Amino acid sequence: MHPEAGTPDPVSAAARPDAKRVLIVLAGAFDPVADSTPLCDAEKPALDRMARVGRAGVVDLGTASPWDGFAALLGLAGRAPSLGAAEALGLGVATGPGETAYRADFVTLADREFRDPFGGKVKDPEATLLLDAVRAAARGARPELRAELLVVRAGGHRNVVVLAGPAQFCSSPWEMVGQRPASGMPSEGPVREFFDAAQHALAAHDVNAVRVDLGENPANALWLHGGGAAAAQAPAPVRGRVLVGRGAATAGLARVLGWEASLVQGDDEALAAAALAAMSSADFVVVRTESVADAAALGGAPAKRDALSAADARLVAPLLAAAEEQDAYVMAVAADSVLDSRTHALVRKGVPFVVAGAGAAPGHGVGDAAFTEKACASGGLHLGSGSEFFALFS
């Protein structure tokens, strides 16, 4: 850790081993430092309170995607599963030697640009019909692909694809809004071949023709990202730690950590309810939400501001209130990446966070100021890696 000279050590759970530990990760929630950002404009009394009584700072994650940033915050340096691998593990989809599991999201392309990273929020049975067409098209393009693992439904706009060959990097869908697909994917190889075959099949599909007629965004492409080899489960469970989140990737990551998974279908209020239930018996509860980044992807800065206000009220506030009822607690709120709400560009270092609770030094928060990216950058608590951040809870 590298606090500025003259400041006390940051909050440490090690000083109070009996402390209840809570971490909320707001995926892609904060912007680069500026005088005016969605975080600056949001109504966030719970985050502001944490910053006043605790410490605000930044952590350099240096990761290639928001998911990798999340794994880094949990101290998984060098053994973090990719998003695709975590999804596959959570779904029970085997990834063999020489194969790569990818997350495959339905998306909407218009005028050859990303318009909707959720494919109009297409659901079953339409999504299943679309995937049937993709399977047929991809097998026709590459007969050597294993048909039974080609595409697996994961719910909502999410799917998993397993392809032969080493992992190829693609940008996250949040970064691609307003961009041409070619700018975020390899120019050749299995990912590009699959993308082209799937797009051809989906563009002409009757399901998408009906969606356009109804004024809905078509799910006319599949975007592969988060590729990686098979993830290994932890050799033994770790008691008292719970990972709360949505989707199969949450279950897969929990298995890698050896933690219990609490899977949620619903909004941030449902996540908060699951986290509060976990806090009653667990020593360390981690909850991740993508609600802020999802809102920003479609609505830009105003939607991001409103989503931050909602996350503060629905998720941060109730968990902070429950933590403050404990004899001792350590609670942090962090982002897994910085996403510019104007350009959608991903900034891979200097991720803001706030931590409060046992061991906190009074008078070294942000004073009467609000919790903002600028307050975090000047807060004096600068951590050099996700492992240093995770040490706050160890």
Protein backbone atom coordinates (compact mmCIF):
# COMPACT_ATOMS: atom_id res chain seq x y z
CA MET A 1 0.00 0.00 0.00
CA HIS A 2 1.15 3.52 -0.72
CA PRO A 3 -0.74 6.11 1.38
CA GLU A 4 0.66 9.57 1.23
CA ALA A 5 3.20 10.54 3.85
CA GLY A 6 1.64 11.71 7.09
CA THR A 7 -1.66 9.84 6.65
CA PRO A 8 -2.56 6.87 8.85
CA ASP A 9 -2.82 3.33 7.55
CA PRO A 10 -6.07 2.55 5.70
CA VAL A 11 -8.97 0.61 7.17
CA SER A 12 -7.83 -2.93 7.89
CA ALA A 13 -9.91 -5.93 8.79
CA ALA A 14 -6.75 -7.50 10.18
CA ALA A 15 -6.99 -5.09 13.12
CA ARG A 16 -10.45 -6.44 13.92
CA PRO A 17 -10.66 -10.09 12.84
CA ASP A 18 -14.23 -10.26 14.16
CA ALA A 19 -15.38 -7.47 11.82
CA LYS A 20 -18.19 -8.11 9.36
CA ARG A 21 -16.79 -7.55 5.85
CA VAL A 22 -18.89 -6.24 2.95
CA LEU A 23 -17.78 -5.28 -0.55
CA ILE A 24 -20.08 -3.76 -3.17
CA VAL A 25 -18.73 -3.61 -6.72
CA LEU A 26 -20.52 -1.18 -9.04
CA ALA A 27 -19.39 -2.38 -12.47
CA GLY A 28 -18.10 0.45 -14.66
CA ALA A 29 -19.86 2.98 -12.44
CA PHE A 30 -17.35 5.83 -12.31
CA ASP A 31 -15.86 8.19 -14.90
CA PRO A 32 -12.42 9.71 -15.44
CA VAL A 33 -11.67 12.57 -13.05
CA ALA A 34 -13.45 15.79 -14.07
CA ASP A 35 -15.26 18.70 -12.46
CA SER A 36 -18.61 17.35 -13.61
CA THR A 37 -19.42 13.64 -13.90
CA PRO A 38 -22.54 11.53 -13.33
CA LEU A 39 -21.14 10.62 -9.91
CA CYS A 40 -20.75 14.33 -9.06
CA ASP A 41 -24.36 15.01 -10.04
CA ALA A 42 -25.94 11.92 -8.46
CA GLU A 43 -27.84 11.92 -5.17
CA LYS A 44 -25.77 9.48 -3.09
CA PRO A 45 -26.04 10.15 0.65
CA ALA A 46 -24.82 6.66 1.61
CA LEU A 47 -21.63 6.90 -0.46
CA ASP A 48 -21.04 10.45 0.78
CA ARG A 49 -21.39 9.26 4.37
CA MET A 50 -18.92 6.42 3.82
CA ALA A 51 -16.41 8.84 2.35
CA ARG A 52 -16.76 11.25 5.30
CA VAL A 53 -16.29 8.63 8.02
CA GLY A 54 -13.87 6.40 6.12
CA ARG A 55 -11.25 6.75 3.42
CA ALA A 56 -11.56 7.45 -0.31
CA GLY A 57 -8.89 6.39 -2.77
CA VAL A 58 -8.02 4.69 -6.04
CA VAL A 59 -6.61 1.29 -6.94
CA ASP A 60 -4.62 0.55 -10.09
CA LEU A 61 -6.08 -2.67 -11.47
CA GLY A 62 -4.44 -2.58 -14.90
CA THR A 63 -6.89 -5.14 -16.28
CA ALA A 64 -8.23 -5.60 -19.79
CA SER A 65 -11.95 -5.74 -18.99
CA PRO A 66 -14.45 -4.93 -16.23
CA TRP A 67 -14.76 -8.64 -15.36
CA ASP A 68 -11.00 -8.97 -14.99
CA GLY A 69 -11.07 -5.89 -12.78
CA PHE A 70 -13.70 -7.52 -10.57
CA ALA A 71 -11.61 -10.67 -10.22
CA ALA A 72 -8.57 -8.53 -9.39
CA LEU A 73 -10.46 -6.80 -6.56
CA LEU A 74 -10.97 -10.27 -5.06
CA GLY A 75 -7.24 -10.95 -5.01
CA LEU A 76 -7.26 -13.41 -7.90
CA ALA A 77 -4.06 -12.17 -9.55
CA GLY A 78 -2.68 -14.90 -11.80
CA ARG A 79 -5.57 -17.32 -11.33
CA ALA A 80 -8.64 -15.37 -12.32
CA PRO A 81 -11.04 -17.17 -14.67
CA SER A 82 -12.13 -15.25 -17.74
CA LEU A 83 -15.76 -14.23 -17.98
CA GLY A 84 -16.42 -16.93 -20.57
CA ALA A 85 -14.70 -19.58 -18.47
CA ALA A 86 -16.66 -18.54 -15.37
CA GLU A 87 -19.94 -18.66 -17.31
CA ALA A 88 -19.08 -22.10 -18.68
CA LEU A 89 -18.16 -23.43 -15.22
CA GLY A 90 -21.35 -22.03 -13.74
CA LEU A 91 -23.44 -23.66 -16.48
CA GLY A 92 -21.60 -26.97 -16.28
CA VAL A 93 -20.31 -26.61 -19.86
CA ALA A 94 -17.05 -28.51 -20.36
CA THR A 95 -14.19 -26.77 -22.13
CA GLY A 96 -11.67 -29.25 -23.50
CA PRO A 97 -7.95 -28.93 -24.19
CA GLY A 98 -7.25 -26.44 -26.93
CA GLU A 99 -10.70 -24.87 -26.64
CA THR A 100 -11.82 -21.45 -25.43
CA ALA A 101 -15.09 -20.48 -23.75
CA TYR A 102 -16.52 -17.07 -24.63
CA ARG A 103 -19.44 -15.09 -23.36
CA ALA A 104 -21.67 -14.49 -26.40
CA ASP A 105 -24.11 -11.59 -26.07
CA PHE A 106 -26.97 -10.78 -28.38
CA VAL A 107 -26.40 -7.23 -29.60
CA THR A 108 -28.01 -4.81 -32.05
CA LEU A 109 -26.06 -3.41 -34.98
CA ALA A 110 -27.40 -0.55 -37.08
CA ASP A 111 -25.59 1.22 -39.90
CA ARG A 112 -22.71 -1.19 -39.16
CA GLU A 113 -22.31 0.21 -35.62
CA PHE A 114 -23.10 -1.06 -32.12
CA ARG A 115 -26.40 0.45 -31.01
CA ASP A 116 -27.68 -1.83 -28.24
CA PRO A 117 -25.34 -4.12 -26.26
CA PHE A 118 -28.33 -6.14 -25.02
CA GLY A 119 -29.93 -7.02 -28.36
CA GLY A 120 -33.23 -5.39 -27.45
CA LYS A 121 -33.30 -7.57 -24.29
CA VAL A 122 -34.44 -10.51 -26.35
CA LYS A 123 -35.84 -13.42 -24.33
CA ASP A 124 -36.93 -16.99 -24.90
CA PRO A 125 -38.48 -18.48 -26.95
CA GLU A 126 -37.23 -15.97 -29.54
CA ALA A 127 -33.64 -16.23 -28.29
CA THR A 128 -33.66 -20.03 -28.61
CA LEU A 129 -34.94 -19.81 -32.18
CA LEU A 130 -32.19 -17.36 -33.05
CA LEU A 131 -29.52 -19.60 -31.53
CA ASP A 132 -30.77 -22.59 -33.51
CA ALA A 133 -30.14 -20.61 -36.68
CA VAL A 134 -26.68 -19.57 -35.44
CA ARG A 135 -25.72 -23.18 -34.68
CA ALA A 136 -26.68 -24.28 -38.16
CA ALA A 137 -24.84 -21.40 -39.80
CA ALA A 138 -21.67 -21.83 -37.73
CA ARG A 139 -21.53 -25.59 -38.32
CA GLY A 140 -21.86 -24.94 -42.01
CA ALA A 141 -18.95 -22.50 -41.88
CA ARG A 142 -16.76 -24.70 -39.66
CA PRO A 143 -17.87 -28.36 -39.61
CA GLU A 144 -15.11 -29.31 -37.17
CA LEU A 145 -16.80 -27.39 -34.33
CA ARG A 146 -18.39 -29.58 -31.67
CA ALA A 147 -22.09 -29.03 -32.23
CA GLU A 148 -23.15 -29.84 -28.67
CA LEU A 149 -20.89 -27.10 -27.24
CA LEU A 150 -21.21 -24.53 -29.96
CA VAL A 151 -23.78 -22.33 -28.24
CA VAL A 152 -25.38 -22.69 -24.81
CA ARG A 153 -28.10 -20.40 -23.45
CA ALA A 154 -27.22 -18.54 -20.27
CA GLY A 155 -30.37 -16.40 -19.98
CA GLY A 156 -31.41 -12.96 -21.19
CA HIS A 157 -29.02 -11.62 -23.80
CA ARG A 158 -26.24 -13.91 -22.49
CA ASN A 159 -24.97 -17.12 -24.05
CA VAL A 160 -21.76 -19.17 -23.99
CA VAL A 161 -19.81 -20.27 -27.05
CA VAL A 162 -16.92 -22.74 -27.06
CA LEU A 163 -14.51 -22.52 -29.99
CA ALA A 164 -11.34 -24.36 -30.90
CA GLY A 165 -8.09 -22.44 -30.58
CA PRO A 166 -6.45 -20.09 -28.09
CA ALA A 167 -8.34 -17.14 -26.59
CA GLN A 168 -8.75 -14.06 -28.76
CA PHE A 169 -9.40 -10.73 -27.08
CA CYS A 170 -12.53 -8.67 -27.80
CA SER A 171 -13.62 -5.47 -26.08
CA SER A 172 -16.55 -5.58 -23.69
CA PRO A 173 -19.96 -4.66 -25.17
CA TRP A 174 -20.12 -1.57 -22.91
CA GLU A 175 -17.08 -0.17 -24.74
CA MET A 176 -18.45 -0.89 -28.19
CA VAL A 177 -21.53 1.35 -28.21
CA GLY A 178 -21.26 3.66 -31.23
CA GLN A 179 -18.25 1.74 -32.57
CA ARG A 180 -17.85 -0.52 -35.58
CA PRO A 181 -17.48 -4.20 -34.64
CA ALA A 182 -14.15 -4.52 -36.44
CA SER A 183 -12.59 -2.03 -34.01
CA GLY A 184 -13.07 -4.38 -31.06
CA MET A 185 -12.37 -7.86 -32.42
CA PRO A 186 -9.57 -9.75 -34.18
CA SER A 187 -9.41 -9.31 -37.93
CA GLU A 188 -9.19 -13.05 -38.48
CA GLY A 189 -9.47 -16.35 -36.65
CA PRO A 190 -12.31 -18.34 -35.05
CA VAL A 191 -13.96 -15.37 -33.33
CA ARG A 192 -14.24 -13.35 -36.52
CA GLU A 193 -15.43 -16.40 -38.48
CA PHE A 194 -18.10 -17.14 -35.90
CA PHE A 195 -19.22 -13.51 -35.73
CA ASP A 196 -19.62 -13.28 -39.50
CA ALA A 197 -21.55 -16.56 -39.75
CA ALA A 198 -23.84 -15.63 -36.85
CA GLN A 199 -24.52 -12.13 -38.16
CA HIS A 200 -25.46 -13.51 -41.56
CA ALA A 201 -27.92 -15.95 -39.99
CA LEU A 202 -29.46 -13.43 -37.59
CA ALA A 203 -29.83 -10.51 -40.00
CA ALA A 204 -32.31 -12.42 -42.17
CA HIS A 205 -34.16 -14.25 -39.39
CA ASP A 206 -37.94 -13.92 -39.15
CA VAL A 207 -37.73 -13.22 -35.41
CA ASN A 208 -35.73 -10.07 -36.06
CA ALA A 209 -37.99 -9.02 -38.93
CA VAL A 210 -40.93 -9.12 -36.52
CA ARG A 211 -39.00 -7.23 -33.86
CA VAL A 212 -38.23 -4.44 -36.34
CA ASP A 213 -41.90 -4.28 -37.37
CA LEU A 214 -42.84 -3.91 -33.69
CA GLY A 215 -40.31 -1.11 -33.18
CA GLU A 216 -37.98 -3.28 -31.07
CA ASN A 217 -34.24 -3.54 -31.47
CA PRO A 218 -33.31 -6.70 -33.36
CA ALA A 219 -30.87 -9.22 -31.90
CA ASN A 220 -28.96 -9.28 -35.16
CA ALA A 221 -25.44 -10.21 -34.00
CA LEU A 222 -23.63 -12.22 -31.34
CA TRP A 223 -20.67 -10.53 -29.69
CA LEU A 224 -18.01 -12.83 -28.25
CA HIS A 225 -15.84 -11.55 -25.40
CA GLY A 226 -14.20 -12.70 -22.18
CA GLY A 227 -12.54 -15.71 -23.79
CA GLY A 228 -10.52 -18.14 -21.72
CA ALA A 229 -9.61 -21.76 -21.06
CA ALA A 230 -11.47 -23.97 -18.61
CA ALA A 231 -11.60 -22.69 -15.02
CA ALA A 232 -10.64 -25.00 -12.15
CA GLN A 233 -12.73 -25.20 -9.01
CA ALA A 234 -11.19 -24.54 -5.61
CA PRO A 235 -9.87 -27.71 -3.96
CA ALA A 236 -11.76 -26.98 -0.75
CA PRO A 237 -14.60 -24.67 0.32
CA VAL A 238 -13.91 -21.47 2.24
CA ARG A 239 -16.46 -21.04 4.99
CA GLY A 240 -18.21 -17.78 5.76
CA ARG A 241 -17.75 -16.10 2.35
CA VAL A 242 -20.60 -15.45 -0.06
CA LEU A 243 -20.62 -14.02 -3.58
CA VAL A 244 -23.92 -12.38 -4.53
CA GLY A 245 -24.75 -11.60 -8.15
CA ARG A 246 -26.60 -12.43 -11.31
CA GLY A 247 -25.95 -15.13 -13.87
CA ALA A 248 -23.89 -18.26 -14.25
CA ALA A 249 -20.60 -16.33 -14.10
CA THR A 250 -21.30 -15.57 -10.42
CA ALA A 251 -21.69 -19.28 -9.72
CA GLY A 252 -18.55 -20.10 -11.68
CA LEU A 253 -16.41 -17.50 -9.95
CA ALA A 254 -17.68 -18.66 -6.55
CA ARG A 255 -16.57 -22.20 -7.39
CA VAL A 256 -13.09 -20.95 -8.32
CA LEU A 257 -12.89 -19.12 -4.97
CA GLY A 258 -14.45 -21.94 -2.98
CA TRP A 259 -17.16 -19.56 -1.77
CA GLU A 260 -20.92 -19.95 -1.56
CA ALA A 261 -22.88 -18.33 -4.40
CA SER A 262 -26.16 -16.48 -3.97
CA LEU A 263 -27.72 -16.08 -7.42
CA VAL A 264 -30.29 -13.35 -7.93
CA GLN A 265 -32.85 -12.67 -10.62
CA GLY A 266 -33.98 -9.09 -10.29
CA ASP A 267 -32.87 -5.53 -9.71
CA ASP A 268 -30.54 -3.99 -7.14
CA GLU A 269 -33.20 -4.28 -4.45
CA ALA A 270 -33.16 -8.05 -4.98
CA LEU A 271 -29.36 -8.04 -4.78
CA ALA A 272 -29.54 -6.07 -1.53
CA ALA A 273 -32.05 -8.53 -0.05
CA ALA A 274 -29.81 -11.47 -0.93
CA ALA A 275 -26.74 -9.70 0.48
CA LEU A 276 -28.54 -8.83 3.72
CA ALA A 277 -29.59 -12.46 4.10
CA ALA A 278 -26.00 -13.56 3.55
CA MET A 279 -24.70 -11.04 6.12
CA SER A 280 -26.70 -12.77 8.85
CA SER A 281 -24.34 -15.75 8.82
CA ALA A 282 -21.35 -14.99 6.56
CA ASP A 283 -18.18 -13.17 7.59
CA PHE A 284 -17.49 -11.68 4.16
CA VAL A 285 -20.15 -10.79 1.57
CA VAL A 286 -19.35 -9.52 -1.93
CA VAL A 287 -22.07 -8.25 -4.23
CA ARG A 288 -21.62 -7.00 -7.80
CA THR A 289 -24.15 -5.12 -9.90
CA GLU A 290 -23.98 -4.05 -13.54
CA SER A 291 -27.00 -1.74 -13.26
CA VAL A 292 -25.04 1.51 -13.60
CA ALA A 293 -22.96 0.47 -16.61
CA ASP A 294 -26.03 -1.05 -18.28
CA ALA A 295 -27.96 2.19 -17.91
CA ALA A 296 -25.06 4.27 -19.23
CA ALA A 297 -24.66 2.04 -22.29
CA LEU A 298 -28.08 3.06 -23.60
CA GLY A 299 -28.78 6.41 -21.92
CA GLY A 300 -25.37 8.06 -21.52
CA ALA A 301 -24.44 10.40 -18.68
CA PRO A 302 -27.98 11.31 -17.51
CA ALA A 303 -28.97 7.66 -17.24
CA LYS A 304 -25.71 6.87 -15.45
CA ARG A 305 -26.35 9.66 -12.93
CA ASP A 306 -29.83 8.35 -12.19
CA ALA A 307 -28.61 4.75 -11.95
CA LEU A 308 -25.93 5.80 -9.46
CA SER A 309 -28.57 7.51 -7.32
CA ALA A 310 -30.73 4.39 -7.46
CA ALA A 311 -27.83 2.07 -6.60
CA ASP A 312 -26.93 4.25 -3.62
CA ALA A 313 -30.51 4.11 -2.31
CA ARG A 314 -31.33 0.50 -3.13
CA LEU A 315 -28.03 -1.27 -2.55
CA VAL A 316 -25.41 0.80 -0.72
CA ALA A 317 -27.70 2.38 1.90
CA PRO A 318 -29.36 -0.80 3.23
CA LEU A 319 -26.07 -2.70 3.41
CA LEU A 320 -24.34 0.23 5.13
CA ALA A 321 -27.15 0.45 7.68
CA ALA A 322 -26.85 -3.28 8.40
CA ALA A 323 -23.05 -3.06 8.66
CA GLU A 324 -23.21 -0.14 11.09
CA GLU A 325 -25.36 -2.26 13.40
CA GLN A 326 -22.43 -4.67 13.85
CA ASP A 327 -19.93 -4.39 16.68
CA ALA A 328 -17.24 -4.00 14.04
CA TYR A 329 -17.35 -3.86 10.27
CA VAL A 330 -15.31 -3.12 7.18
CA MET A 331 -17.33 -2.06 4.15
CA ALA A 332 -16.09 -0.88 0.79
CA VAL A 333 -17.68 0.26 -2.45
CA ALA A 334 -15.56 0.13 -5.58
CA ALA A 335 -15.78 0.02 -9.34
CA ASP A 336 -14.19 -2.77 -11.38
CA SER A 337 -13.24 -0.30 -14.12
CA VAL A 338 -13.70 3.32 -15.14
CA LEU A 339 -16.02 3.80 -18.11
CA ASP A 340 -16.25 7.23 -19.73
CA SER A 341 -19.97 7.93 -20.01
CA ARG A 342 -19.40 10.22 -22.99
CA THR A 343 -17.12 8.07 -25.16
CA HIS A 344 -17.74 4.62 -23.58
CA ALA A 345 -13.96 4.21 -23.42
CA LEU A 346 -12.59 1.93 -20.72
CA VAL A 347 -9.90 3.40 -18.44
CA ARG A 348 -7.87 0.59 -16.94
CA LYS A 349 -6.25 2.21 -13.91
CA GLY A 350 -7.05 4.62 -11.10
CA VAL A 351 -10.33 2.94 -10.12
CA PRO A 352 -12.13 4.86 -7.32
CA PHE A 353 -13.25 3.22 -4.08
CA VAL A 354 -14.30 4.12 -0.55
CA VAL A 355 -13.81 2.02 2.58
CA ALA A 356 -15.15 2.58 6.08
CA GLY A 357 -15.44 0.75 9.37
CA ALA A 358 -13.12 -0.85 11.90
CA GLY A 359 -9.80 0.94 12.13
CA ALA A 360 -10.97 3.97 10.17
CA ALA A 361 -9.10 7.13 11.08
CA PRO A 362 -11.50 10.02 11.88
CA GLY A 363 -10.86 13.19 9.97
CA HIS A 364 -9.13 11.57 7.01
CA GLY A 365 -12.13 11.11 4.76
CA VAL A 366 -13.33 13.79 2.34
CA GLY A 367 -14.50 16.18 5.04
CA ASP A 368 -17.75 17.87 4.06
CA ALA A 369 -17.16 17.18 0.36
CA ALA A 370 -19.12 14.65 -1.63
CA PHE A 371 -17.81 11.30 -2.84
CA THR A 372 -16.51 11.97 -6.36
CA GLU A 373 -13.78 10.71 -8.67
CA LYS A 374 -11.72 13.80 -7.86
CA ALA A 375 -12.10 13.23 -4.11
CA CYS A 376 -10.88 9.65 -4.56
CA ALA A 377 -7.91 10.68 -6.69
CA SER A 378 -6.81 13.23 -4.09
CA GLY A 379 -7.77 11.15 -1.06
CA GLY A 380 -4.27 9.91 -0.35
CA LEU A 381 -5.10 6.20 -0.35
CA HIS A 382 -3.48 4.92 -3.55
CA LEU A 383 -3.22 1.14 -3.92
CA GLY A 384 -1.03 -0.43 -6.55
CA SER A 385 -2.98 -3.63 -7.25
CA GLY A 386 -6.15 -5.57 -6.63
CA SER A 387 -4.24 -7.74 -4.18
CA GLU A 388 -3.49 -4.69 -2.03
CA PHE A 389 -7.17 -3.79 -2.12
CA PHE A 390 -8.25 -7.31 -1.14
CA ALA A 391 -5.81 -7.18 1.78
CA LEU A 392 -8.18 -4.64 3.39
CA PHE A 393 -10.52 -7.59 4.01
CA SER A 394 -7.96 -10.29 4.78
